[in-house]
Protein backbone atom coordinates (compact mmCIF):
# COMPACT_ATOMS: atom_id res chain seq x y z
CA ARG A 1 0.00 -0.07 0.11
CA GLY A 2 2.91 2.32 -0.12
CA SER A 3 2.71 5.49 2.11
CA LEU A 4 -0.97 6.13 1.49
CA PRO A 5 -3.23 5.72 4.34
CA ARG A 6 -5.18 2.41 4.57
CA GLN A 7 -8.51 4.58 4.59
CA THR A 8 -7.52 6.22 1.26
CA VAL A 9 -6.87 2.73 -0.36
CA ASP A 10 -10.09 1.20 1.15
CA ALA A 11 -12.18 3.91 0.01
CA ILE A 12 -10.75 3.40 -3.70
CA LEU A 13 -11.58 -0.28 -3.50
CA ALA A 14 -14.99 0.23 -2.23
CA GLY A 15 -15.83 1.45 -5.60
CA VAL A 16 -14.06 -1.25 -7.50
CA ASN A 17 -16.48 -4.09 -9.12
CA LYS A 18 -15.29 -7.19 -7.64
CA PRO A 19 -16.93 -10.42 -8.80
CA PRO A 20 -17.64 -12.98 -5.98
CA GLY A 21 -14.51 -15.10 -5.34
CA SER A 22 -12.21 -12.79 -7.00
CA ARG A 23 -8.57 -11.88 -5.66
CA VAL A 24 -7.70 -8.23 -5.29
CA ARG A 25 -4.05 -6.85 -5.09
CA THR A 26 -3.01 -3.13 -4.95
CA PHE A 27 0.13 -1.37 -5.82
CA THR A 28 0.99 2.17 -5.31
CA VAL A 29 3.46 4.44 -6.81
CA ARG A 30 4.49 7.94 -6.75
CA PHE A 31 5.60 9.47 -9.91
CA SER A 32 7.33 12.96 -10.48
CA LYS A 33 4.85 13.47 -13.48
CA ASP A 34 1.55 12.18 -14.63
CA TYR A 35 2.55 10.20 -17.49
CA ARG A 36 -1.22 9.30 -18.36
CA THR A 37 -1.31 12.50 -20.44
CA ILE A 38 0.76 13.75 -23.58
CA PRO A 39 2.47 15.76 -22.56
CA PRO A 40 3.10 14.53 -19.02
CA ILE A 41 1.88 16.78 -16.40
CA PRO A 42 4.54 17.96 -13.92
CA GLY A 43 4.21 17.42 -10.14
CA LEU A 44 4.09 14.46 -7.88
CA ILE A 45 0.94 12.24 -8.23
CA ASP A 46 0.17 8.91 -6.42
CA LEU A 47 -1.22 6.15 -8.65
CA ILE A 48 -2.95 3.11 -7.28
CA PHE A 49 -3.01 0.20 -9.51
CA VAL A 50 -5.77 -2.33 -8.69
CA TYR A 51 -5.52 -5.88 -9.90
CA VAL A 52 -8.74 -7.86 -9.90
CA SER A 53 -8.67 -11.63 -10.89
CA ALA A 54 -11.41 -14.17 -11.02
CA LEU A 55 -11.90 -17.76 -12.21
CA GLY A 56 -12.71 -17.50 -15.92
CA ARG A 57 -12.64 -13.94 -16.06
CA GLY A 58 -8.89 -13.20 -16.29
CA LEU A 59 -7.20 -10.09 -14.95
CA ARG A 60 -8.47 -6.43 -15.07
CA VAL A 61 -6.21 -3.73 -14.06
CA GLU A 62 -7.75 -0.28 -13.04
CA ILE A 63 -5.56 2.70 -12.15
CA PHE A 64 -6.77 5.54 -9.72
CA SER A 65 -5.06 8.67 -8.88
CA VAL A 66 -5.06 10.00 -5.47
CA PRO A 67 -5.14 13.63 -4.99
CA PRO A 68 -2.15 15.34 -2.83
CA PRO A 69 -2.59 15.93 0.76
CA ALA A 70 -4.00 19.30 1.69
CA SER A 71 -1.24 21.67 2.43
CA GLN A 72 -1.27 22.54 6.21
CA GLY A 73 -0.29 26.04 7.51
């Protein structure tokens, strides 16, 4: 789960379609740019990769961005 709070990951997982009996794995990575756009948008971004697999349904990967934490001060 990387450095993200468990609540953040759990909130994202709550919105993911998970067939009964499926397996779910998450992988969190922080990038210096958002490479999902052309050209990449500079600035730190955390992406959560959600892997959902189920017997007879193959593997599905969904990617979610996590907004940066609100600055305190």
